[in-house]
Amino acid sequence: MNAIDLDVSGMRCGSCIAHVKKVLGALGGVATVDVDLAAGRVRVGGEHLPDSASLANALNAAGYPAAASDPAPQQCADVENGVRGAGCCCG
């Protein structure tokens, strides 16, 4: 399953969560919508998801300002491969 994370503001309560889930769940390809109210984040899952701009536009139209989340920082390939010290690109 593919996933897209969105930063969403304006969510304040359980009713907001239900509304966000309804708006996104109505879009084709969306299988799951997980809302983290405290963090202001929404994770949308599905096999054939719309792009992040389409998801954000749907939420913006519903009154919840949204944008694609920045992806988590990636570790450098050297660290992932177990290289440390002088040979590591991270220093």
N, C-alpha and C. Protein backbone atom coordinates (compact mmCIF):
# COMPACT_ATOMS: atom_id res chain seq x y z
N MET A 1 0.84 -1.18 0.00
CA MET A 1 0.00 0.00 0.00
C MET A 1 0.88 1.24 0.00
N ASN A 2 0.54 2.22 -0.80
CA ASN A 2 1.24 3.50 -0.85
C ASN A 2 0.67 4.42 0.22
N ALA A 3 1.46 5.40 0.63
CA ALA A 3 1.00 6.36 1.64
C ALA A 3 1.53 7.75 1.31
N ILE A 4 0.70 8.74 1.63
CA ILE A 4 1.08 10.14 1.48
C ILE A 4 0.77 10.83 2.80
N ASP A 5 1.73 11.60 3.30
CA ASP A 5 1.55 12.35 4.54
C ASP A 5 1.27 13.81 4.20
N LEU A 6 0.32 14.38 4.93
CA LEU A 6 -0.05 15.78 4.74
C LEU A 6 0.03 16.51 6.07
N ASP A 7 0.47 17.76 6.03
CA ASP A 7 0.37 18.66 7.18
C ASP A 7 -0.96 19.38 7.02
N VAL A 8 -1.80 19.31 8.04
CA VAL A 8 -3.14 19.89 7.96
C VAL A 8 -3.38 20.76 9.19
N SER A 9 -3.83 21.98 8.97
CA SER A 9 -4.15 22.84 10.10
C SER A 9 -5.67 23.04 10.15
N GLY A 10 -6.11 23.54 11.29
CA GLY A 10 -7.53 23.81 11.46
C GLY A 10 -8.31 22.66 12.09
N MET A 11 -7.67 21.52 12.30
CA MET A 11 -8.35 20.39 12.95
C MET A 11 -8.27 20.60 14.46
N ARG A 12 -9.43 20.56 15.12
CA ARG A 12 -9.44 20.84 16.55
C ARG A 12 -10.15 19.80 17.40
N CYS A 13 -10.94 18.92 16.78
CA CYS A 13 -11.76 18.00 17.58
C CYS A 13 -12.10 16.74 16.79
N GLY A 14 -12.84 15.87 17.44
CA GLY A 14 -13.26 14.63 16.80
C GLY A 14 -14.11 14.86 15.57
N SER A 15 -14.92 15.90 15.59
CA SER A 15 -15.75 16.23 14.43
C SER A 15 -14.88 16.61 13.23
N CYS A 16 -13.80 17.34 13.50
CA CYS A 16 -12.86 17.70 12.43
C CYS A 16 -12.22 16.44 11.84
N ILE A 17 -11.83 15.52 12.71
CA ILE A 17 -11.24 14.27 12.25
C ILE A 17 -12.21 13.53 11.34
N ALA A 18 -13.46 13.43 11.77
CA ALA A 18 -14.47 12.74 10.97
C ALA A 18 -14.66 13.43 9.62
N HIS A 19 -14.66 14.75 9.61
CA HIS A 19 -14.84 15.50 8.36
C HIS A 19 -13.66 15.28 7.41
N VAL A 20 -12.44 15.33 7.94
CA VAL A 20 -11.25 15.10 7.13
C VAL A 20 -11.28 13.69 6.54
N LYS A 21 -11.65 12.71 7.36
CA LYS A 21 -11.72 11.32 6.87
C LYS A 21 -12.78 11.18 5.78
N LYS A 22 -13.91 11.87 5.94
CA LYS A 22 -14.98 11.80 4.95
C LYS A 22 -14.54 12.43 3.62
N VAL A 23 -13.92 13.60 3.70
CA VAL A 23 -13.48 14.30 2.49
C VAL A 23 -12.46 13.46 1.72
N LEU A 24 -11.45 12.97 2.42
CA LEU A 24 -10.41 12.20 1.74
C LEU A 24 -10.88 10.81 1.33
N GLY A 25 -11.73 10.20 2.16
CA GLY A 25 -12.25 8.87 1.85
C GLY A 25 -13.13 8.85 0.61
N ALA A 26 -13.68 9.99 0.24
CA ALA A 26 -14.53 10.07 -0.95
C ALA A 26 -13.73 10.11 -2.24
N LEU A 27 -12.41 10.33 -2.14
CA LEU A 27 -11.57 10.38 -3.33
C LEU A 27 -11.22 8.98 -3.79
N GLY A 28 -11.21 8.78 -5.07
CA GLY A 28 -10.87 7.47 -5.64
C GLY A 28 -9.47 7.05 -5.27
N GLY A 29 -9.31 5.79 -4.92
CA GLY A 29 -8.01 5.22 -4.59
C GLY A 29 -7.63 5.30 -3.13
N VAL A 30 -8.39 6.05 -2.33
CA VAL A 30 -8.07 6.18 -0.91
C VAL A 30 -8.68 5.02 -0.14
N ALA A 31 -7.83 4.26 0.55
CA ALA A 31 -8.29 3.11 1.33
C ALA A 31 -8.30 3.41 2.82
N THR A 32 -7.33 4.20 3.30
CA THR A 32 -7.25 4.52 4.73
C THR A 32 -6.90 5.99 4.92
N VAL A 33 -7.41 6.54 6.02
CA VAL A 33 -7.06 7.91 6.41
C VAL A 33 -6.81 7.88 7.91
N ASP A 34 -5.58 8.16 8.31
CA ASP A 34 -5.20 8.19 9.72
C ASP A 34 -4.85 9.63 10.09
N VAL A 35 -5.52 10.14 11.13
CA VAL A 35 -5.35 11.52 11.55
C VAL A 35 -4.65 11.58 12.89
N ASP A 36 -3.59 12.38 12.98
CA ASP A 36 -2.91 12.68 14.23
C ASP A 36 -3.25 14.13 14.56
N LEU A 37 -4.28 14.31 15.36
CA LEU A 37 -4.79 15.64 15.67
C LEU A 37 -3.73 16.50 16.34
N ALA A 38 -3.01 15.95 17.30
CA ALA A 38 -2.02 16.72 18.05
C ALA A 38 -0.89 17.22 17.15
N ALA A 39 -0.46 16.41 16.21
CA ALA A 39 0.64 16.78 15.32
C ALA A 39 0.17 17.55 14.09
N GLY A 40 -1.14 17.54 13.83
CA GLY A 40 -1.65 18.19 12.63
C GLY A 40 -1.23 17.48 11.37
N ARG A 41 -1.21 16.15 11.45
CA ARG A 41 -0.79 15.33 10.30
C ARG A 41 -1.86 14.34 9.92
N VAL A 42 -1.91 14.05 8.64
CA VAL A 42 -2.83 13.05 8.11
C VAL A 42 -2.03 12.14 7.19
N ARG A 43 -2.20 10.83 7.35
CA ARG A 43 -1.58 9.84 6.46
C ARG A 43 -2.70 9.18 5.66
N VAL A 44 -2.58 9.26 4.35
CA VAL A 44 -3.57 8.69 3.45
C VAL A 44 -2.94 7.48 2.78
N GLY A 45 -3.64 6.34 2.82
CA GLY A 45 -3.10 5.12 2.24
C GLY A 45 -4.01 4.55 1.17
N GLY A 46 -3.40 3.83 0.23
CA GLY A 46 -4.16 3.17 -0.82
C GLY A 46 -3.23 2.71 -1.92
N GLU A 47 -3.73 1.88 -2.78
CA GLU A 47 -2.92 1.35 -3.88
C GLU A 47 -2.78 2.35 -5.03
N HIS A 48 -3.84 3.06 -5.34
CA HIS A 48 -3.83 3.99 -6.48
C HIS A 48 -4.28 5.37 -6.01
N LEU A 49 -3.44 5.98 -5.18
CA LEU A 49 -3.77 7.27 -4.57
C LEU A 49 -3.69 8.41 -5.58
N PRO A 50 -4.54 9.43 -5.38
CA PRO A 50 -4.33 10.68 -6.11
C PRO A 50 -3.00 11.28 -5.66
N ASP A 51 -2.48 12.25 -6.40
CA ASP A 51 -1.23 12.87 -5.97
C ASP A 51 -1.47 13.76 -4.75
N SER A 52 -0.39 14.14 -4.09
CA SER A 52 -0.51 14.91 -2.85
C SER A 52 -1.20 16.24 -3.07
N ALA A 53 -1.01 16.86 -4.22
CA ALA A 53 -1.65 18.15 -4.51
C ALA A 53 -3.17 17.98 -4.56
N SER A 54 -3.65 16.90 -5.15
CA SER A 54 -5.10 16.65 -5.21
C SER A 54 -5.69 16.42 -3.83
N LEU A 55 -4.96 15.68 -2.99
CA LEU A 55 -5.42 15.45 -1.62
C LEU A 55 -5.47 16.76 -0.85
N ALA A 56 -4.41 17.56 -0.97
CA ALA A 56 -4.35 18.85 -0.28
C ALA A 56 -5.45 19.78 -0.78
N ASN A 57 -5.69 19.79 -2.09
CA ASN A 57 -6.74 20.65 -2.65
C ASN A 57 -8.11 20.28 -2.10
N ALA A 58 -8.38 19.00 -1.94
CA ALA A 58 -9.67 18.56 -1.40
C ALA A 58 -9.83 19.06 0.04
N LEU A 59 -8.77 18.97 0.83
CA LEU A 59 -8.84 19.45 2.20
C LEU A 59 -8.94 20.98 2.26
N ASN A 60 -8.20 21.65 1.40
CA ASN A 60 -8.27 23.12 1.36
C ASN A 60 -9.69 23.57 1.04
N ALA A 61 -10.34 22.91 0.08
CA ALA A 61 -11.72 23.25 -0.29
C ALA A 61 -12.69 23.00 0.85
N ALA A 62 -12.36 22.06 1.73
CA ALA A 62 -13.21 21.73 2.88
C ALA A 62 -12.92 22.62 4.08
N GLY A 63 -11.95 23.54 3.95
CA GLY A 63 -11.64 24.46 5.03
C GLY A 63 -10.50 24.05 5.93
N TYR A 64 -9.73 23.07 5.51
CA TYR A 64 -8.57 22.62 6.28
C TYR A 64 -7.32 22.85 5.45
N PRO A 65 -6.58 23.93 5.72
CA PRO A 65 -5.36 24.20 4.95
C PRO A 65 -4.40 23.01 5.05
N ALA A 66 -3.97 22.54 3.90
CA ALA A 66 -3.13 21.33 3.86
C ALA A 66 -2.03 21.46 2.82
N ALA A 67 -0.95 20.75 3.07
CA ALA A 67 0.17 20.67 2.14
C ALA A 67 0.88 19.35 2.38
N ALA A 68 1.56 18.86 1.37
CA ALA A 68 2.33 17.63 1.51
C ALA A 68 3.40 17.82 2.57
N SER A 69 3.58 16.84 3.43
CA SER A 69 4.62 16.88 4.46
C SER A 69 5.97 16.68 3.84
N ASP A 70 6.96 17.32 4.43
CA ASP A 70 8.33 17.05 4.01
C ASP A 70 8.66 15.63 4.41
N PRO A 71 9.28 14.87 3.52
CA PRO A 71 9.66 13.51 3.90
C PRO A 71 10.66 13.52 5.05
N ALA A 72 10.70 12.43 5.79
CA ALA A 72 11.66 12.31 6.89
C ALA A 72 13.07 12.37 6.32
N PRO A 73 13.97 12.98 7.06
CA PRO A 73 15.34 13.05 6.56
C PRO A 73 15.90 11.65 6.32
N GLN A 74 16.62 11.51 5.24
CA GLN A 74 17.20 10.22 4.88
C GLN A 74 18.61 10.13 5.46
N GLN A 75 18.94 8.94 5.96
CA GLN A 75 20.32 8.72 6.36
C GLN A 75 21.16 8.57 5.12
N CYS A 76 22.41 8.95 5.21
CA CYS A 76 23.27 8.79 4.05
C CYS A 76 23.50 7.30 3.78
N ALA A 77 23.85 6.99 2.56
CA ALA A 77 24.05 5.60 2.15
C ALA A 77 25.18 4.96 2.93
N ASP A 78 26.22 5.72 3.29
CA ASP A 78 27.33 5.15 4.02
C ASP A 78 26.88 4.63 5.39
N VAL A 79 26.07 5.41 6.10
CA VAL A 79 25.60 4.99 7.42
C VAL A 79 24.69 3.78 7.27
N GLU A 80 23.83 3.78 6.26
CA GLU A 80 22.95 2.64 6.04
C GLU A 80 23.74 1.37 5.76
N ASN A 81 24.92 1.51 5.14
CA ASN A 81 25.75 0.37 4.80
C ASN A 81 26.76 0.03 5.88
N GLY A 82 26.69 0.70 7.02
CA GLY A 82 27.55 0.37 8.14
C GLY A 82 28.91 1.03 8.14
N VAL A 83 29.18 1.96 7.23
CA VAL A 83 30.45 2.66 7.18
C VAL A 83 30.43 3.77 8.21
N ARG A 84 31.46 3.88 9.00
CA ARG A 84 31.54 4.92 10.03
C ARG A 84 32.92 5.57 9.98
N GLY A 85 33.06 6.66 10.70
CA GLY A 85 34.37 7.31 10.84
C GLY A 85 34.79 8.03 9.59
N ALA A 86 36.10 8.01 9.30
CA ALA A 86 36.68 8.79 8.21
C ALA A 86 36.09 8.41 6.86
N GLY A 87 35.64 7.16 6.71
CA GLY A 87 35.09 6.72 5.42
C GLY A 87 33.64 7.10 5.22
N CYS A 88 33.02 7.64 6.24
CA CYS A 88 31.59 7.97 6.15
C CYS A 88 31.40 9.36 5.55
N CYS A 89 30.44 9.50 4.67
CA CYS A 89 30.19 10.81 4.05
C CYS A 89 29.68 11.83 5.06
N CYS A 90 29.18 11.38 6.22
CA CYS A 90 28.66 12.29 7.23
C CYS A 90 29.75 12.80 8.16
N GLY A 91 30.94 12.24 8.04
CA GLY A 91 32.06 12.69 8.87
C GLY A 91 32.13 11.99 10.10
